[in-house]
């Protein structure tokens, strides 16, 4: 939000949010959810709220981008624009680190919590990466684009080699940065490894899992 306040349209947008606090409404809806006897029903309700909140999240990201950068919203597979292509690649870099942490902790990446079982899909990685995507990948890409860094694509729409290297370096830079993790200073990379171990402890009943929380 600090970056948002530094731009006139950002200040206006924050005032709009305060007058119509959609984010607070979504948070309250999540708090009011109850884990039912049917886990699939709970998942569907929570994922539905996540999708609604994501619309507002990406609207804020769009306002933070410099003029001239086209971003109409998140697009995953087959993305051709610079923003989505960069985000997708950054998520891929982060994904590999989360997967490595999960495997080292001795967890089964195919058994998730929020994301339901899908054959041949590492749904636990999809669950765990959510804690780190905004702080690591989104921040890395937003910083590159706001600085005017040149991100190029090939004729087929894929990112150019040098651009992929630049994005990977930015993501790794974010991961090596220190954050406060429940009163302790840790690099984000260390937090990812610790959280994978904490999931294992939670499953065994030896620890109550606490999510990694961060601020922009």
Protein backbone atom coordinates (compact mmCIF):
# COMPACT_ATOMS: atom_id res chain seq x y z
CA UNK A 1 0.00 0.00 0.00
CA UNK A 2 2.97 2.33 0.53
CA UNK A 3 3.66 2.32 -3.21
CA UNK A 4 -0.03 2.87 -3.89
CA UNK A 5 -0.13 5.98 -1.71
CA UNK A 6 2.75 7.51 -3.66
CA UNK A 7 0.56 7.94 -6.74
CA UNK A 8 -2.45 10.32 -6.99
CA UNK A 9 -4.74 7.66 -8.44
CA UNK A 10 -3.55 5.34 -5.67
CA UNK A 11 -4.62 7.80 -2.97
CA UNK A 12 -8.04 8.11 -4.59
CA UNK A 13 -8.37 4.34 -4.79
CA UNK A 14 -7.53 3.89 -1.09
CA UNK A 15 -10.25 6.40 -0.20
CA UNK A 16 -12.70 4.41 -2.31
CA UNK A 17 -11.74 1.22 -0.49
CA UNK A 18 -12.27 2.87 2.88
CA UNK A 19 -15.70 4.05 1.84
CA UNK A 20 -16.57 0.63 0.45
CA UNK A 21 -14.32 -1.83 2.31
CA UNK A 22 -14.82 -4.86 0.08
CA UNK A 23 -11.72 -6.47 1.53
CA UNK A 24 -13.12 -6.34 5.07
CA UNK A 25 -16.36 -7.91 3.87
CA UNK A 26 -14.51 -10.81 2.28
CA UNK A 27 -12.38 -11.34 5.39
CA UNK A 28 -15.50 -11.40 7.57
CA UNK A 29 -17.11 -13.92 5.24
CA UNK A 30 -14.05 -16.15 5.55
CA UNK A 31 -14.10 -15.85 9.34
CA UNK A 32 -17.76 -16.84 9.38
CA UNK A 33 -17.13 -20.01 7.40
CA UNK A 34 -17.45 -23.21 9.37
CA UNK A 35 -15.76 -26.48 8.54
CA UNK A 36 -18.64 -28.74 7.63
CA UNK A 37 -18.90 -32.49 7.76
CA UNK A 38 -18.41 -32.23 4.01
CA UNK A 39 -14.85 -30.92 3.38
CA UNK A 40 -15.58 -30.45 -0.32
CA UNK A 41 -18.35 -27.98 0.49
CA UNK A 42 -16.02 -25.95 2.70
CA UNK A 43 -13.35 -25.95 -0.02
CA UNK A 44 -15.79 -24.74 -2.65
CA UNK A 45 -17.03 -21.91 -0.42
CA UNK A 46 -13.51 -20.80 0.49
CA UNK A 47 -12.22 -21.01 -3.07
CA UNK A 48 -15.22 -18.99 -4.24
CA UNK A 49 -14.37 -16.21 -1.80
CA UNK A 50 -10.73 -16.37 -2.84
CA UNK A 51 -11.71 -15.86 -6.47
CA UNK A 52 -13.85 -12.84 -5.61
CA UNK A 53 -11.12 -11.26 -3.50
CA UNK A 54 -8.53 -11.88 -6.24
CA UNK A 55 -10.52 -9.62 -8.57
CA UNK A 56 -10.00 -6.69 -6.20
CA UNK A 57 -6.37 -7.61 -5.55
CA UNK A 58 -5.46 -7.52 -9.24
CA UNK A 59 -7.38 -4.27 -9.65
CA UNK A 60 -4.97 -2.72 -7.14
CA UNK A 61 -1.98 -4.19 -8.99
CA UNK A 62 -3.26 -2.70 -12.24
CA UNK A 63 -3.36 0.76 -10.66
CA UNK A 64 0.22 0.37 -9.44
CA UNK A 65 1.60 -0.31 -12.91
CA UNK A 66 3.12 2.49 -14.95
CA UNK A 67 1.19 4.09 -17.78
CA UNK A 68 1.46 2.20 -21.02
CA UNK A 69 1.62 -1.27 -19.45
CA UNK A 70 -1.40 -3.28 -20.50
CA UNK A 71 -2.86 -5.54 -17.81
CA UNK A 72 -6.51 -6.49 -17.96
CA UNK A 73 -6.37 -9.14 -15.24
CA UNK A 74 -4.79 -12.48 -14.43
CA UNK A 75 -4.33 -14.99 -17.20
CA UNK A 76 -2.49 -18.22 -16.65
CA UNK A 77 -2.10 -20.70 -19.47
CA UNK A 78 -1.46 -19.16 -22.85
CA UNK A 79 -0.82 -15.65 -21.53
CA UNK A 80 0.71 -13.35 -24.15
CA UNK A 81 0.99 -10.00 -22.37
CA UNK A 82 4.15 -8.99 -20.52
CA UNK A 83 2.62 -8.79 -17.04
CA UNK A 84 0.97 -12.20 -17.01
CA UNK A 85 3.87 -13.89 -18.79
CA UNK A 86 6.25 -12.44 -16.20
CA UNK A 87 4.03 -13.44 -13.29
CA UNK A 88 3.66 -16.97 -14.61
CA UNK A 89 7.41 -17.38 -14.95
CA UNK A 90 8.02 -15.92 -11.48
CA UNK A 91 5.50 -18.36 -10.02
CA UNK A 92 7.35 -21.19 -11.73
CA UNK A 93 10.61 -20.17 -10.07
CA UNK A 94 8.91 -19.94 -6.67
CA UNK A 95 7.10 -23.23 -7.29
CA UNK A 96 10.40 -25.11 -7.61
CA UNK A 97 11.56 -23.85 -4.21
CA UNK A 98 8.30 -24.80 -2.50
CA UNK A 99 8.36 -28.24 -4.10
CA UNK A 100 11.94 -28.79 -2.96
CA UNK A 101 11.02 -27.80 0.62
CA UNK A 102 8.01 -30.13 0.64
CA UNK A 103 10.04 -33.09 -0.61
CA UNK A 104 12.85 -32.45 1.89
CA UNK A 105 10.28 -32.38 4.70
CA UNK A 106 9.13 -35.84 3.65
CA UNK A 107 5.63 -34.74 2.64
CA UNK A 108 3.55 -36.08 -0.22
CA UNK A 109 3.07 -33.18 -2.67
CA UNK A 110 -0.02 -34.88 -4.11
CA UNK A 111 -1.97 -34.61 -0.82
CA UNK A 112 -3.27 -31.09 -0.24
CA UNK A 113 -5.65 -29.34 2.13
CA UNK A 114 -7.42 -26.53 0.30
CA UNK A 115 -6.90 -27.81 -3.22
CA UNK A 116 -8.65 -31.15 -3.56
CA UNK A 117 -6.96 -34.24 -4.98
CA UNK A 118 -6.26 -34.20 -8.70
CA UNK A 119 -4.47 -37.11 -10.39
CA UNK A 120 -0.81 -36.31 -11.08
CA UNK A 121 -1.17 -32.79 -9.62
CA UNK A 122 1.00 -31.64 -6.67
CA UNK A 123 -1.90 -29.92 -4.90
CA UNK A 124 0.03 -29.44 -1.64
CA UNK A 125 2.41 -27.16 -3.56
CA UNK A 126 -0.60 -25.19 -4.81
CA UNK A 127 -1.68 -24.76 -1.17
CA UNK A 128 1.70 -23.74 0.23
CA UNK A 129 2.75 -21.40 -2.56
CA UNK A 130 -0.23 -19.13 -1.82
CA UNK A 131 1.48 -17.84 1.34
CA UNK A 132 4.47 -16.59 -0.63
CA UNK A 133 3.24 -15.51 -4.06
CA UNK A 134 2.36 -11.88 -3.20
CA UNK A 135 5.50 -11.19 -1.17
CA UNK A 136 7.92 -12.96 -3.49
CA UNK A 137 6.67 -13.22 -7.07
CA UNK A 138 4.15 -10.37 -7.31
CA UNK A 139 6.47 -7.89 -5.59
CA UNK A 140 9.40 -8.95 -7.77
CA UNK A 141 7.50 -8.41 -11.03
CA UNK A 142 5.83 -5.21 -9.92
CA UNK A 143 9.19 -3.75 -8.90
CA UNK A 144 10.79 -4.64 -12.24
CA UNK A 145 7.96 -3.12 -14.26
CA UNK A 146 7.67 0.04 -12.17
CA UNK A 147 11.41 0.61 -12.53
CA UNK A 148 11.03 0.45 -16.28
CA UNK A 149 13.11 -2.71 -16.63
CA UNK A 150 12.90 -4.10 -20.13
CA UNK A 151 11.02 -7.40 -20.30
CA UNK A 152 11.01 -8.83 -23.81
CA UNK A 153 9.12 -11.60 -25.54
CA UNK A 154 9.99 -13.75 -28.52
CA UNK A 155 7.82 -13.92 -31.63
CA UNK A 156 5.92 -16.88 -30.15
CA UNK A 157 4.98 -14.85 -27.08
CA UNK A 158 7.40 -16.61 -24.73
CA UNK A 159 9.74 -14.54 -22.60
CA UNK A 160 13.18 -13.92 -24.04
CA UNK A 161 16.09 -15.72 -22.38
CA UNK A 162 17.57 -12.59 -20.82
CA UNK A 163 14.16 -11.58 -19.49
CA UNK A 164 13.71 -14.98 -17.85
CA UNK A 165 17.12 -14.60 -16.21
CA UNK A 166 16.19 -11.12 -14.99
CA UNK A 167 12.93 -12.37 -13.47
CA UNK A 168 14.60 -15.36 -11.82
CA UNK A 169 17.22 -13.06 -10.29
CA UNK A 170 14.50 -10.75 -8.96
CA UNK A 171 12.58 -13.65 -7.40
CA UNK A 172 15.71 -15.05 -5.77
CA UNK A 173 16.49 -11.57 -4.49
CA UNK A 174 13.10 -11.40 -2.81
CA UNK A 175 13.61 -14.84 -1.28
CA UNK A 176 16.95 -13.86 0.23
CA UNK A 177 15.41 -10.83 1.94
CA UNK A 178 14.75 -11.00 5.68
CA UNK A 179 11.27 -10.83 7.18
CA UNK A 180 9.85 -11.01 10.67
CA UNK A 181 8.47 -14.50 11.21
CA UNK A 182 6.66 -14.55 14.54
CA UNK A 183 9.35 -12.55 16.31
CA UNK A 184 12.31 -14.09 14.51
CA UNK A 185 14.30 -12.73 11.59
CA UNK A 186 14.35 -15.20 8.72
CA UNK A 187 14.95 -15.09 4.99
CA UNK A 188 11.84 -15.98 3.03
CA UNK A 189 13.67 -19.01 1.63
CA UNK A 190 14.22 -20.23 5.20
CA UNK A 191 10.58 -19.58 6.07
CA UNK A 192 9.48 -21.75 3.13
CA UNK A 193 11.59 -24.64 4.41
CA UNK A 194 10.37 -24.16 7.98
CA UNK A 195 6.74 -24.00 6.90
CA UNK A 196 7.04 -27.31 5.08
CA UNK A 197 8.37 -28.89 8.28
CA UNK A 198 5.59 -27.18 10.25
CA UNK A 199 2.97 -28.76 7.99
CA UNK A 200 4.44 -32.15 8.83
CA UNK A 201 4.37 -31.34 12.56
CA UNK A 202 0.78 -30.14 12.26
CA UNK A 203 -0.30 -33.39 10.63
CA UNK A 204 1.28 -35.38 13.48
CA UNK A 205 -0.47 -33.20 16.06
CA UNK A 206 2.78 -31.83 17.49
CA UNK A 207 2.26 -28.26 16.29
CA UNK A 208 -0.56 -25.89 15.40
CA UNK A 209 0.23 -24.51 11.98
CA UNK A 210 0.53 -20.74 11.66
CA UNK A 211 0.63 -19.13 8.21
CA UNK A 212 3.31 -16.80 6.94
CA UNK A 213 1.80 -13.31 6.93
CA UNK A 214 3.34 -10.36 5.13
CA UNK A 215 2.60 -6.78 4.22
CA UNK A 216 3.28 -4.89 1.05
